Amino acid sequence: MTQHAERATVGIPRWLPNALTVLRLVLVPVFVVLLFLHPADFGWRLLATVAFGVAILTDLFDGKLARKYDLVSDFGKIWDPIADKALTGAAFISLSILGELWWWVTIIILLREWGITWMRVAMLKYEVMAAAAAGKIKTLLQAIALLMFLPYPIQLTVQVAPFWGWLAWLVMGAAFVLTVVTGLMYVRDALRLRAEAIKARSGPA
């Protein structure tokens, strides 16, 4: 047993990171229901935002706990990214249904998120593609943008608090651009790794 594993046994339950992932999955429908009960009411929107924020925090902590205490599991490898995509995807789709975010933005973001996830799984036959630093910044910007959009209808926010409203749009725009750019970077890296792997397997001509 490694030193990390020994600390995990003594310090925290081994099931805690996976429990946080499950909690994030459970919070997805809770967040959606709270948002759509009274989408024009600030109180209900705030509750939905809190549920979303708590879910985002579970994403922050479960990964750190798993890596720090050597608690990485097959369950976490599979379900952690699914929970992430389900949460942010639900938020983007909900905002578009409410008419607060253009559908083309949501569709492009979802195509990128799920497309790259599928591509990274397909690339496992060649090499594991680690998450890039730019991808982590993208995820952070998406979370911040959604947290800024959720508490109140963004169109009214622009009218009542113009600085906050336009700042929210600016962060959302930055998240969108970074989402597209990092997606293209992953595709470029995948093509390079695939070509290198095929060349290595075929051997010298």
N, C-alpha and C. Protein backbone atom coordinates (compact mmCIF):
# COMPACT_ATOMS: atom_id res chain seq x y z
N MET A 1 0.85 -1.20 0.00
CA MET A 1 0.00 0.00 0.00
C MET A 1 0.88 1.25 0.00
N THR A 2 0.56 2.21 -0.88
CA THR A 2 1.38 3.41 -0.97
C THR A 2 1.11 4.32 0.20
N GLN A 3 2.03 5.31 0.34
CA GLN A 3 1.85 6.28 1.43
C GLN A 3 0.57 7.06 1.26
N HIS A 4 0.26 7.41 -0.03
CA HIS A 4 -0.99 8.13 -0.30
C HIS A 4 -2.20 7.29 0.10
N ALA A 5 -2.14 6.01 -0.24
CA ALA A 5 -3.27 5.14 0.08
C ALA A 5 -3.44 4.99 1.58
N GLU A 6 -2.30 4.94 2.31
CA GLU A 6 -2.39 4.84 3.76
C GLU A 6 -3.05 6.08 4.35
N ARG A 7 -2.68 7.26 3.81
CA ARG A 7 -3.30 8.50 4.30
C ARG A 7 -4.79 8.49 4.00
N ALA A 8 -5.16 7.92 2.83
CA ALA A 8 -6.57 7.88 2.46
C ALA A 8 -7.35 7.02 3.44
N THR A 9 -6.76 5.86 3.80
CA THR A 9 -7.46 4.96 4.72
C THR A 9 -7.68 5.61 6.06
N VAL A 10 -6.67 6.36 6.53
CA VAL A 10 -6.78 6.98 7.84
C VAL A 10 -7.60 8.27 7.80
N GLY A 11 -7.42 9.04 6.69
CA GLY A 11 -7.99 10.38 6.64
C GLY A 11 -9.45 10.45 6.26
N ILE A 12 -9.79 10.01 5.05
CA ILE A 12 -11.15 10.16 4.55
C ILE A 12 -11.65 8.82 4.00
N PRO A 13 -12.98 8.65 3.94
CA PRO A 13 -13.53 7.41 3.37
C PRO A 13 -13.18 7.28 1.89
N ARG A 14 -12.90 6.09 1.45
CA ARG A 14 -12.52 5.87 0.06
C ARG A 14 -13.67 6.17 -0.90
N TRP A 15 -14.90 6.12 -0.39
CA TRP A 15 -16.04 6.33 -1.27
C TRP A 15 -16.41 7.81 -1.42
N LEU A 16 -15.74 8.71 -0.69
CA LEU A 16 -16.16 10.11 -0.68
C LEU A 16 -16.09 10.77 -2.06
N PRO A 17 -15.00 10.65 -2.83
CA PRO A 17 -14.98 11.29 -4.16
C PRO A 17 -16.12 10.81 -5.05
N ASN A 18 -16.40 9.49 -5.04
CA ASN A 18 -17.49 8.97 -5.86
C ASN A 18 -18.84 9.46 -5.36
N ALA A 19 -18.98 9.61 -4.03
CA ALA A 19 -20.23 10.12 -3.47
C ALA A 19 -20.46 11.57 -3.94
N LEU A 20 -19.40 12.35 -4.03
CA LEU A 20 -19.53 13.73 -4.51
C LEU A 20 -19.94 13.76 -5.98
N THR A 21 -19.42 12.81 -6.76
CA THR A 21 -19.82 12.71 -8.17
C THR A 21 -21.29 12.37 -8.29
N VAL A 22 -21.75 11.41 -7.46
CA VAL A 22 -23.17 11.04 -7.47
C VAL A 22 -24.04 12.22 -7.03
N LEU A 23 -23.58 12.96 -6.01
CA LEU A 23 -24.32 14.14 -5.55
C LEU A 23 -24.46 15.15 -6.68
N ARG A 24 -23.41 15.33 -7.47
CA ARG A 24 -23.48 16.27 -8.58
C ARG A 24 -24.52 15.82 -9.61
N LEU A 25 -24.57 14.52 -9.86
CA LEU A 25 -25.59 14.00 -10.78
C LEU A 25 -27.00 14.23 -10.24
N VAL A 26 -27.17 14.01 -8.94
CA VAL A 26 -28.48 14.21 -8.31
C VAL A 26 -28.90 15.67 -8.35
N LEU A 27 -27.93 16.56 -8.21
CA LEU A 27 -28.24 18.00 -8.19
C LEU A 27 -28.65 18.54 -9.56
N VAL A 28 -28.34 17.82 -10.62
CA VAL A 28 -28.71 18.30 -11.96
C VAL A 28 -30.23 18.46 -12.09
N PRO A 29 -31.04 17.41 -11.84
CA PRO A 29 -32.50 17.61 -11.94
C PRO A 29 -33.03 18.57 -10.89
N VAL A 30 -32.42 18.60 -9.70
CA VAL A 30 -32.85 19.55 -8.67
C VAL A 30 -32.67 20.98 -9.17
N PHE A 31 -31.51 21.25 -9.75
CA PHE A 31 -31.23 22.58 -10.31
C PHE A 31 -32.24 22.95 -11.39
N VAL A 32 -32.52 22.02 -12.30
CA VAL A 32 -33.43 22.30 -13.41
C VAL A 32 -34.84 22.59 -12.90
N VAL A 33 -35.31 21.79 -11.96
CA VAL A 33 -36.66 21.98 -11.40
C VAL A 33 -36.77 23.35 -10.72
N LEU A 34 -35.79 23.69 -9.91
CA LEU A 34 -35.79 24.98 -9.22
C LEU A 34 -35.79 26.14 -10.21
N LEU A 35 -35.05 25.99 -11.30
CA LEU A 35 -34.95 27.06 -12.28
C LEU A 35 -36.27 27.28 -13.02
N PHE A 36 -36.97 26.17 -13.32
CA PHE A 36 -38.17 26.28 -14.14
C PHE A 36 -39.46 26.44 -13.34
N LEU A 37 -39.41 26.28 -12.02
CA LEU A 37 -40.62 26.47 -11.22
C LEU A 37 -41.16 27.89 -11.38
N HIS A 38 -40.28 28.87 -11.18
CA HIS A 38 -40.66 30.27 -11.36
C HIS A 38 -39.46 31.02 -11.94
N PRO A 39 -39.24 30.88 -13.26
CA PRO A 39 -38.01 31.40 -13.87
C PRO A 39 -37.88 32.92 -13.83
N ALA A 40 -38.98 33.64 -13.54
CA ALA A 40 -38.90 35.10 -13.47
C ALA A 40 -38.77 35.60 -12.04
N ASP A 41 -38.79 34.67 -11.07
CA ASP A 41 -38.74 35.06 -9.66
C ASP A 41 -37.30 34.97 -9.16
N PHE A 42 -36.80 36.06 -8.58
CA PHE A 42 -35.41 36.11 -8.15
C PHE A 42 -35.11 35.07 -7.07
N GLY A 43 -36.04 34.85 -6.14
CA GLY A 43 -35.82 33.90 -5.05
C GLY A 43 -35.61 32.49 -5.57
N TRP A 44 -36.47 32.04 -6.48
CA TRP A 44 -36.33 30.70 -7.04
C TRP A 44 -35.09 30.59 -7.91
N ARG A 45 -34.81 31.66 -8.66
CA ARG A 45 -33.59 31.65 -9.48
C ARG A 45 -32.35 31.55 -8.60
N LEU A 46 -32.39 32.24 -7.45
CA LEU A 46 -31.25 32.20 -6.54
C LEU A 46 -31.05 30.80 -5.98
N LEU A 47 -32.16 30.13 -5.64
CA LEU A 47 -32.06 28.75 -5.15
C LEU A 47 -31.46 27.84 -6.21
N ALA A 48 -31.89 28.03 -7.47
CA ALA A 48 -31.34 27.24 -8.56
C ALA A 48 -29.85 27.51 -8.73
N THR A 49 -29.47 28.78 -8.59
CA THR A 49 -28.06 29.15 -8.71
C THR A 49 -27.24 28.52 -7.59
N VAL A 50 -27.78 28.48 -6.39
CA VAL A 50 -27.08 27.85 -5.26
C VAL A 50 -26.90 26.36 -5.52
N ALA A 51 -27.95 25.70 -6.02
CA ALA A 51 -27.84 24.27 -6.34
C ALA A 51 -26.76 24.04 -7.39
N PHE A 52 -26.72 24.90 -8.40
CA PHE A 52 -25.70 24.79 -9.44
C PHE A 52 -24.31 25.03 -8.85
N GLY A 53 -24.20 26.04 -7.99
CA GLY A 53 -22.92 26.36 -7.36
C GLY A 53 -22.39 25.23 -6.49
N VAL A 54 -23.29 24.61 -5.71
CA VAL A 54 -22.89 23.48 -4.87
C VAL A 54 -22.39 22.33 -5.74
N ALA A 55 -23.10 22.09 -6.85
CA ALA A 55 -22.69 21.02 -7.76
C ALA A 55 -21.32 21.30 -8.35
N ILE A 56 -21.06 22.56 -8.70
CA ILE A 56 -19.75 22.94 -9.24
C ILE A 56 -18.66 22.69 -8.18
N LEU A 57 -18.97 22.99 -6.93
CA LEU A 57 -17.99 22.78 -5.86
C LEU A 57 -17.67 21.30 -5.69
N THR A 58 -18.66 20.43 -5.86
CA THR A 58 -18.39 18.99 -5.76
C THR A 58 -17.41 18.57 -6.85
N ASP A 59 -17.52 19.19 -8.01
CA ASP A 59 -16.59 18.90 -9.09
C ASP A 59 -15.17 19.30 -8.71
N LEU A 60 -15.05 20.42 -8.02
CA LEU A 60 -13.74 20.91 -7.59
C LEU A 60 -13.11 19.97 -6.57
N PHE A 61 -13.93 19.51 -5.62
CA PHE A 61 -13.38 18.74 -4.50
C PHE A 61 -13.17 17.26 -4.80
N ASP A 62 -14.06 16.65 -5.58
CA ASP A 62 -13.93 15.20 -5.78
C ASP A 62 -12.64 14.86 -6.53
N GLY A 63 -12.31 15.67 -7.52
CA GLY A 63 -11.08 15.40 -8.26
C GLY A 63 -9.84 15.60 -7.41
N LYS A 64 -9.84 16.67 -6.62
CA LYS A 64 -8.69 16.94 -5.75
C LYS A 64 -8.51 15.85 -4.71
N LEU A 65 -9.61 15.41 -4.12
CA LEU A 65 -9.53 14.36 -3.12
C LEU A 65 -9.01 13.05 -3.73
N ALA A 66 -9.55 12.73 -4.91
CA ALA A 66 -9.15 11.47 -5.54
C ALA A 66 -7.66 11.45 -5.87
N ARG A 67 -7.15 12.60 -6.36
CA ARG A 67 -5.73 12.64 -6.73
C ARG A 67 -4.83 12.74 -5.49
N LYS A 68 -5.23 13.55 -4.53
CA LYS A 68 -4.37 13.77 -3.35
C LYS A 68 -4.25 12.52 -2.50
N TYR A 69 -5.34 11.78 -2.35
CA TYR A 69 -5.33 10.61 -1.46
C TYR A 69 -5.33 9.28 -2.22
N ASP A 70 -4.97 9.33 -3.49
CA ASP A 70 -4.86 8.11 -4.28
C ASP A 70 -6.18 7.32 -4.26
N LEU A 71 -7.28 8.03 -4.55
CA LEU A 71 -8.61 7.40 -4.53
C LEU A 71 -9.24 7.37 -5.92
N VAL A 72 -8.41 7.50 -6.95
CA VAL A 72 -8.93 7.45 -8.31
C VAL A 72 -9.51 6.06 -8.58
N SER A 73 -10.74 6.04 -9.11
CA SER A 73 -11.42 4.76 -9.35
C SER A 73 -11.96 4.72 -10.77
N ASP A 74 -12.29 3.51 -11.25
CA ASP A 74 -12.89 3.38 -12.58
C ASP A 74 -14.24 4.10 -12.62
N PHE A 75 -14.99 4.02 -11.52
CA PHE A 75 -16.28 4.72 -11.46
C PHE A 75 -16.07 6.22 -11.68
N GLY A 76 -15.09 6.79 -10.97
CA GLY A 76 -14.82 8.22 -11.10
C GLY A 76 -14.37 8.60 -12.49
N LYS A 77 -13.52 7.76 -13.11
CA LYS A 77 -13.03 8.05 -14.45
C LYS A 77 -14.17 8.13 -15.46
N ILE A 78 -15.17 7.29 -15.27
CA ILE A 78 -16.29 7.24 -16.21
C ILE A 78 -17.33 8.30 -15.89
N TRP A 79 -17.74 8.37 -14.63
CA TRP A 79 -18.90 9.18 -14.28
C TRP A 79 -18.58 10.64 -13.95
N ASP A 80 -17.34 10.94 -13.56
CA ASP A 80 -17.01 12.33 -13.25
C ASP A 80 -17.17 13.24 -14.46
N PRO A 81 -16.60 12.91 -15.64
CA PRO A 81 -16.82 13.78 -16.80
C PRO A 81 -18.27 13.80 -17.27
N ILE A 82 -18.98 12.66 -17.09
CA ILE A 82 -20.39 12.63 -17.47
C ILE A 82 -21.19 13.58 -16.59
N ALA A 83 -20.90 13.58 -15.29
CA ALA A 83 -21.59 14.49 -14.37
C ALA A 83 -21.30 15.95 -14.71
N ASP A 84 -20.05 16.24 -15.06
CA ASP A 84 -19.68 17.61 -15.44
C ASP A 84 -20.47 18.07 -16.66
N LYS A 85 -20.47 17.24 -17.69
CA LYS A 85 -21.15 17.61 -18.94
C LYS A 85 -22.66 17.70 -18.73
N ALA A 86 -23.21 16.82 -17.88
CA ALA A 86 -24.65 16.85 -17.61
C ALA A 86 -25.04 18.15 -16.91
N LEU A 87 -24.21 18.59 -15.96
CA LEU A 87 -24.52 19.79 -15.21
C LEU A 87 -24.45 21.04 -16.08
N THR A 88 -23.31 21.26 -16.73
CA THR A 88 -23.19 22.46 -17.56
C THR A 88 -24.13 22.38 -18.77
N GLY A 89 -24.30 21.19 -19.32
CA GLY A 89 -25.23 21.04 -20.45
C GLY A 89 -26.64 21.40 -20.06
N ALA A 90 -27.08 20.95 -18.88
CA ALA A 90 -28.43 21.29 -18.40
C ALA A 90 -28.59 22.80 -18.23
N ALA A 91 -27.53 23.46 -17.75
CA ALA A 91 -27.60 24.90 -17.55
C ALA A 91 -27.68 25.64 -18.88
N PHE A 92 -26.84 25.27 -19.84
CA PHE A 92 -26.86 25.93 -21.15
C PHE A 92 -28.21 25.71 -21.85
N ILE A 93 -28.69 24.46 -21.84
CA ILE A 93 -29.97 24.17 -22.50
C ILE A 93 -31.11 24.91 -21.82
N SER A 94 -31.10 24.96 -20.49
CA SER A 94 -32.17 25.65 -19.76
C SER A 94 -32.20 27.14 -20.10
N LEU A 95 -31.04 27.76 -20.15
CA LEU A 95 -30.98 29.19 -20.49
C LEU A 95 -31.50 29.43 -21.91
N SER A 96 -31.20 28.51 -22.83
CA SER A 96 -31.69 28.67 -24.20
C SER A 96 -33.20 28.47 -24.27
N ILE A 97 -33.72 27.49 -23.53
CA ILE A 97 -35.18 27.28 -23.49
C ILE A 97 -35.87 28.52 -22.95
N LEU A 98 -35.26 29.15 -21.96
CA LEU A 98 -35.84 30.37 -21.38
C LEU A 98 -35.65 31.60 -22.26
N GLY A 99 -34.95 31.44 -23.36
CA GLY A 99 -34.73 32.56 -24.27
C GLY A 99 -33.68 33.54 -23.79
N GLU A 100 -32.79 33.10 -22.92
CA GLU A 100 -31.78 33.98 -22.34
C GLU A 100 -30.39 33.76 -22.91
N LEU A 101 -30.24 32.73 -23.75
CA LEU A 101 -28.96 32.45 -24.40
C LEU A 101 -29.26 31.88 -25.78
N TRP A 102 -28.60 32.40 -26.79
CA TRP A 102 -28.86 31.95 -28.15
C TRP A 102 -28.62 30.45 -28.28
N TRP A 103 -29.53 29.80 -29.01
CA TRP A 103 -29.42 28.35 -29.17
C TRP A 103 -28.15 27.94 -29.89
N TRP A 104 -27.69 28.75 -30.85
CA TRP A 104 -26.50 28.37 -31.60
C TRP A 104 -25.27 28.30 -30.69
N VAL A 105 -25.25 29.15 -29.65
CA VAL A 105 -24.15 29.11 -28.69
C VAL A 105 -24.20 27.79 -27.92
N THR A 106 -25.38 27.45 -27.43
CA THR A 106 -25.53 26.21 -26.67
C THR A 106 -25.20 24.99 -27.51
N ILE A 107 -25.69 24.96 -28.75
CA ILE A 107 -25.48 23.79 -29.61
C ILE A 107 -23.99 23.60 -29.91
N ILE A 108 -23.30 24.68 -30.24
CA ILE A 108 -21.87 24.56 -30.54
C ILE A 108 -21.09 24.10 -29.31
N ILE A 109 -21.42 24.66 -28.15
CA ILE A 109 -20.73 24.26 -26.92
C ILE A 109 -20.97 22.79 -26.61
N LEU A 110 -22.23 22.34 -26.74
CA LEU A 110 -22.53 20.94 -26.43
C LEU A 110 -21.88 19.98 -27.43
N LEU A 111 -21.87 20.37 -28.71
CA LEU A 111 -21.20 19.54 -29.71
C LEU A 111 -19.72 19.41 -29.40
N ARG A 112 -19.11 20.52 -28.98
CA ARG A 112 -17.69 20.49 -28.63
C ARG A 112 -17.46 19.61 -27.41
N GLU A 113 -18.27 19.82 -26.34
CA GLU A 113 -18.05 19.09 -25.09
C GLU A 113 -18.20 17.58 -25.27
N TRP A 114 -19.31 17.17 -25.84
CA TRP A 114 -19.55 15.74 -25.98
C TRP A 114 -18.71 15.14 -27.09
N GLY A 115 -18.44 15.93 -28.14
CA GLY A 115 -17.60 15.45 -29.22
C GLY A 115 -16.18 15.17 -28.76
N ILE A 116 -15.61 16.09 -27.99
CA ILE A 116 -14.24 15.90 -27.50
C ILE A 116 -14.19 14.76 -26.48
N THR A 117 -15.23 14.64 -25.66
CA THR A 117 -15.28 13.54 -24.71
C THR A 117 -15.27 12.19 -25.44
N TRP A 118 -16.09 12.09 -26.48
CA TRP A 118 -16.12 10.86 -27.28
C TRP A 118 -14.77 10.63 -27.94
N MET A 119 -14.16 11.69 -28.47
CA MET A 119 -12.87 11.56 -29.15
C MET A 119 -11.78 11.08 -28.20
N ARG A 120 -11.77 11.61 -26.96
CA ARG A 120 -10.75 11.19 -26.00
C ARG A 120 -10.91 9.72 -25.63
N VAL A 121 -12.16 9.25 -25.56
CA VAL A 121 -12.40 7.83 -25.30
C VAL A 121 -11.89 7.00 -26.48
N ALA A 122 -12.18 7.45 -27.71
CA ALA A 122 -11.73 6.72 -28.89
C ALA A 122 -10.21 6.70 -28.99
N MET A 123 -9.55 7.74 -28.49
CA MET A 123 -8.10 7.84 -28.57
C MET A 123 -7.39 6.93 -27.57
N LEU A 124 -8.13 6.33 -26.65
CA LEU A 124 -7.50 5.46 -25.65
C LEU A 124 -6.76 4.28 -26.29
N LYS A 125 -7.17 3.89 -27.50
CA LYS A 125 -6.49 2.79 -28.18
C LYS A 125 -5.08 3.18 -28.62
N TYR A 126 -4.84 4.49 -28.71
CA TYR A 126 -3.53 4.98 -29.10
C TYR A 126 -2.74 5.55 -27.91
N GLU A 127 -3.39 6.46 -27.16
CA GLU A 127 -2.71 7.11 -26.04
C GLU A 127 -3.75 7.87 -25.22
N VAL A 128 -3.49 8.01 -23.92
CA VAL A 128 -4.37 8.78 -23.06
C VAL A 128 -4.13 10.27 -23.29
N MET A 129 -5.19 11.00 -23.59
CA MET A 129 -5.08 12.44 -23.80
C MET A 129 -5.40 13.15 -22.49
N ALA A 130 -4.39 13.74 -21.87
CA ALA A 130 -4.59 14.44 -20.62
C ALA A 130 -5.31 15.75 -20.86
N ALA A 131 -6.04 16.21 -19.83
CA ALA A 131 -6.73 17.50 -19.93
C ALA A 131 -5.70 18.62 -19.99
N ALA A 132 -5.86 19.51 -20.96
CA ALA A 132 -4.93 20.62 -21.13
C ALA A 132 -5.27 21.74 -20.15
N ALA A 133 -4.27 22.58 -19.86
CA ALA A 133 -4.49 23.70 -18.95
C ALA A 133 -5.55 24.64 -19.51
N ALA A 134 -5.52 24.87 -20.82
CA ALA A 134 -6.52 25.75 -21.45
C ALA A 134 -7.92 25.17 -21.30
N GLY A 135 -8.03 23.84 -21.33
CA GLY A 135 -9.33 23.21 -21.14
C GLY A 135 -9.88 23.43 -19.75
N LYS A 136 -8.99 23.42 -18.75
CA LYS A 136 -9.42 23.67 -17.37
C LYS A 136 -9.87 25.12 -17.20
N ILE A 137 -9.17 26.05 -17.86
CA ILE A 137 -9.58 27.45 -17.81
C ILE A 137 -10.94 27.62 -18.49
N LYS A 138 -11.15 26.90 -19.60
CA LYS A 138 -12.44 26.92 -20.29
C LYS A 138 -13.57 26.50 -19.37
N THR A 139 -13.34 25.40 -18.65
CA THR A 139 -14.36 24.90 -17.72
C THR A 139 -14.67 25.93 -16.64
N LEU A 140 -13.62 26.58 -16.12
CA LEU A 140 -13.81 27.61 -15.09
C LEU A 140 -14.60 28.79 -15.64
N LEU A 141 -14.28 29.24 -16.85
CA LEU A 141 -15.00 30.36 -17.45
C LEU A 141 -16.46 30.01 -17.70
N GLN A 142 -16.71 28.79 -18.15
CA GLN A 142 -18.10 28.36 -18.35
C GLN A 142 -18.87 28.43 -17.05
N ALA A 143 -18.27 27.92 -15.97
CA ALA A 143 -18.94 27.92 -14.67
C ALA A 143 -19.23 29.34 -14.20
N ILE A 144 -18.25 30.24 -14.34
CA ILE A 144 -18.43 31.63 -13.91
C ILE A 144 -19.52 32.30 -14.73
N ALA A 145 -19.49 32.09 -16.05
CA ALA A 145 -20.50 32.70 -16.92
C ALA A 145 -21.90 32.22 -16.55
N LEU A 146 -22.06 30.92 -16.33
CA LEU A 146 -23.37 30.39 -15.97
C LEU A 146 -23.83 30.92 -14.62
N LEU A 147 -22.92 31.02 -13.67
CA LEU A 147 -23.28 31.57 -12.36
C LEU A 147 -23.70 33.03 -12.46
N MET A 148 -23.17 33.75 -13.43
CA MET A 148 -23.55 35.15 -13.63
C MET A 148 -24.89 35.28 -14.36
N PHE A 149 -25.20 34.31 -15.21
CA PHE A 149 -26.46 34.34 -15.96
C PHE A 149 -27.66 33.87 -15.14
N LEU A 150 -27.42 32.93 -14.22
CA LEU A 150 -28.54 32.21 -13.59
C LEU A 150 -29.38 33.01 -12.60
N PRO A 151 -28.82 33.90 -11.78
CA PRO A 151 -29.64 34.49 -10.71
C PRO A 151 -30.84 35.31 -11.17
N TYR A 152 -30.79 35.87 -12.38
CA TYR A 152 -31.88 36.72 -12.85
C TYR A 152 -31.85 36.71 -14.37
N PRO A 153 -33.02 36.84 -15.04
CA PRO A 153 -33.00 36.86 -16.51
C PRO A 153 -32.00 37.89 -17.03
N ILE A 154 -31.10 37.46 -17.89
CA ILE A 154 -29.98 38.30 -18.29
C ILE A 154 -30.43 39.56 -19.01
N GLN A 155 -31.55 39.48 -19.76
CA GLN A 155 -32.04 40.67 -20.45
C GLN A 155 -32.42 41.75 -19.45
N LEU A 156 -33.06 41.36 -18.35
CA LEU A 156 -33.43 42.32 -17.32
C LEU A 156 -32.20 42.79 -16.55
N THR A 157 -31.23 41.90 -16.38
CA THR A 157 -30.00 42.29 -15.68
C THR A 157 -29.29 43.41 -16.43
N VAL A 158 -29.26 43.31 -17.77
CA VAL A 158 -28.62 44.35 -18.58
C VAL A 158 -29.32 45.69 -18.38
N GLN A 159 -30.65 45.66 -18.20
CA GLN A 159 -31.40 46.90 -18.01
C GLN A 159 -31.23 47.46 -16.60
N VAL A 160 -31.28 46.57 -15.59
CA VAL A 160 -31.25 47.01 -14.20
C VAL A 160 -29.82 47.27 -13.73
N ALA A 161 -28.91 46.38 -14.08
CA ALA A 161 -27.50 46.51 -13.67
C ALA A 161 -26.63 46.31 -14.91
N PRO A 162 -26.53 47.36 -15.74
CA PRO A 162 -25.84 47.22 -17.03
C PRO A 162 -24.41 46.67 -16.92
N PHE A 163 -23.65 47.14 -15.93
CA PHE A 163 -22.26 46.69 -15.82
C PHE A 163 -22.20 45.18 -15.61
N TRP A 164 -23.00 44.68 -14.66
CA TRP A 164 -23.02 43.25 -14.37
C TRP A 164 -23.52 42.45 -15.58
N GLY A 165 -24.57 42.97 -16.22
CA GLY A 165 -25.14 42.27 -17.36
C GLY A 165 -24.16 42.14 -18.51
N TRP A 166 -23.50 43.25 -18.86
CA TRP A 166 -22.56 43.19 -19.97
C TRP A 166 -21.30 42.42 -19.60
N LEU A 167 -20.92 42.46 -18.32
CA LEU A 167 -19.78 41.66 -17.86
C LEU A 167 -20.10 40.17 -18.00
N ALA A 168 -21.35 39.81 -17.68
CA ALA A 168 -21.77 38.41 -17.82
C ALA A 168 -21.67 37.98 -19.28
N TRP A 169 -22.12 38.83 -20.19
CA TRP A 169 -22.03 38.52 -21.62
C TRP A 169 -20.58 38.41 -22.07
N LEU A 170 -19.73 39.28 -21.53
CA LEU A 170 -18.30 39.25 -21.88
C LEU A 170 -17.67 37.93 -21.44
N VAL A 171 -17.97 37.50 -20.21
CA VAL A 171 -17.42 36.23 -19.71
C VAL A 171 -17.97 35.07 -20.52
N MET A 172 -19.27 35.12 -20.86
CA MET A 172 -19.86 34.06 -21.67
C MET A 172 -19.21 34.01 -23.04
N GLY A 173 -18.94 35.17 -23.62
CA GLY A 173 -18.27 35.21 -24.92
C GLY A 173 -16.88 34.62 -24.85
N ALA A 174 -16.16 34.97 -23.79
CA ALA A 174 -14.80 34.43 -23.61
C ALA A 174 -14.85 32.92 -23.43
N ALA A 175 -15.83 32.43 -22.66
CA ALA A 175 -15.99 30.98 -22.45
C ALA A 175 -16.30 30.29 -23.77
N PHE A 176 -17.16 30.90 -24.58
CA PHE A 176 -17.52 30.32 -25.88
C PHE A 176 -16.30 30.22 -26.79
N VAL A 177 -15.55 31.32 -26.90
CA VAL A 177 -14.37 31.33 -27.77
C VAL A 177 -13.36 30.30 -27.31
N LEU A 178 -13.10 30.25 -26.01
CA LEU A 178 -12.13 29.30 -25.48
C LEU A 178 -12.61 27.86 -25.66
N THR A 179 -13.92 27.65 -25.57
CA THR A 179 -14.48 26.32 -25.79
C THR A 179 -14.19 25.84 -27.20
N VAL A 180 -14.40 26.72 -28.18
CA VAL A 180 -14.15 26.36 -29.58
C VAL A 180 -12.66 26.17 -29.83
N VAL A 181 -11.84 27.10 -29.34
CA VAL A 181 -10.40 27.04 -29.58
C VAL A 181 -9.79 25.78 -28.96
N THR A 182 -10.15 25.48 -27.71
CA THR A 182 -9.59 24.28 -27.08
C THR A 182 -10.09 23.01 -27.76
N GLY A 183 -11.30 23.05 -28.28
CA GLY A 183 -11.80 21.91 -29.03
C GLY A 183 -10.95 21.64 -30.26
N LEU A 184 -10.61 22.70 -30.99
CA LEU A 184 -9.76 22.57 -32.17
C LEU A 184 -8.36 22.09 -31.78
N MET A 185 -7.88 22.55 -30.62
CA MET A 185 -6.56 22.10 -30.14
C MET A 185 -6.57 20.61 -29.84
N TYR A 186 -7.65 20.11 -29.22
CA TYR A 186 -7.75 18.68 -28.93
C TYR A 186 -7.78 17.85 -30.21
N VAL A 187 -8.52 18.34 -31.21
CA VAL A 187 -8.59 17.63 -32.49
C VAL A 187 -7.21 17.58 -33.14
N ARG A 188 -6.49 18.71 -33.13
CA ARG A 188 -5.14 18.75 -33.69
C ARG A 188 -4.22 17.76 -32.97
N ASP A 189 -4.27 17.77 -31.64
CA ASP A 189 -3.41 16.86 -30.86
C ASP A 189 -3.78 15.40 -31.10
N ALA A 190 -5.08 15.14 -31.23
CA ALA A 190 -5.52 13.76 -31.47
C ALA A 190 -5.02 13.25 -32.81
N LEU A 191 -5.09 14.09 -33.83
CA LEU A 191 -4.61 13.68 -35.15
C LEU A 191 -3.10 13.43 -35.12
N ARG A 192 -2.37 14.26 -34.39
CA ARG A 192 -0.93 14.09 -34.29
C ARG A 192 -0.57 12.79 -33.55
N LEU A 193 -1.24 12.57 -32.40
CA LEU A 193 -0.97 11.36 -31.62
C LEU A 193 -1.33 10.10 -32.40
N ARG A 194 -2.43 10.15 -33.13
CA ARG A 194 -2.84 8.99 -33.92
C ARG A 194 -1.80 8.69 -35.00
N ALA A 195 -1.35 9.74 -35.68
CA ALA A 195 -0.35 9.53 -36.73
C ALA A 195 0.95 8.97 -36.16
N GLU A 196 1.37 9.49 -35.01
CA GLU A 196 2.60 9.00 -34.37
C GLU A 196 2.46 7.56 -33.92
N ALA A 197 1.27 7.22 -33.37
CA ALA A 197 1.05 5.85 -32.89
C ALA A 197 1.04 4.86 -34.05
N ILE A 198 0.40 5.22 -35.15
CA ILE A 198 0.35 4.34 -36.32
C ILE A 198 1.74 4.16 -36.92
N LYS A 199 2.49 5.26 -36.95
CA LYS A 199 3.86 5.19 -37.48
C LYS A 199 4.73 4.30 -36.61
N ALA A 200 4.59 4.43 -35.28
CA ALA A 200 5.40 3.62 -34.36
C ALA A 200 5.06 2.14 -34.49
N ARG A 201 3.78 1.82 -34.70
CA ARG A 201 3.38 0.42 -34.81
C ARG A 201 3.84 -0.21 -36.11
N SER A 202 3.85 0.59 -37.16
CA SER A 202 4.23 0.05 -38.46
C SER A 202 5.73 -0.20 -38.57
N GLY A 203 6.51 0.56 -37.73
CA GLY A 203 7.95 0.37 -37.74
C GLY A 203 8.60 1.05 -38.93
N PRO A 204 9.92 0.93 -39.02
CA PRO A 204 10.63 1.57 -40.13
C PRO A 204 10.25 0.94 -41.46
N ALA A 205 10.18 1.79 -42.46
CA ALA A 205 9.78 1.30 -43.79
C ALA A 205 10.88 0.41 -44.37
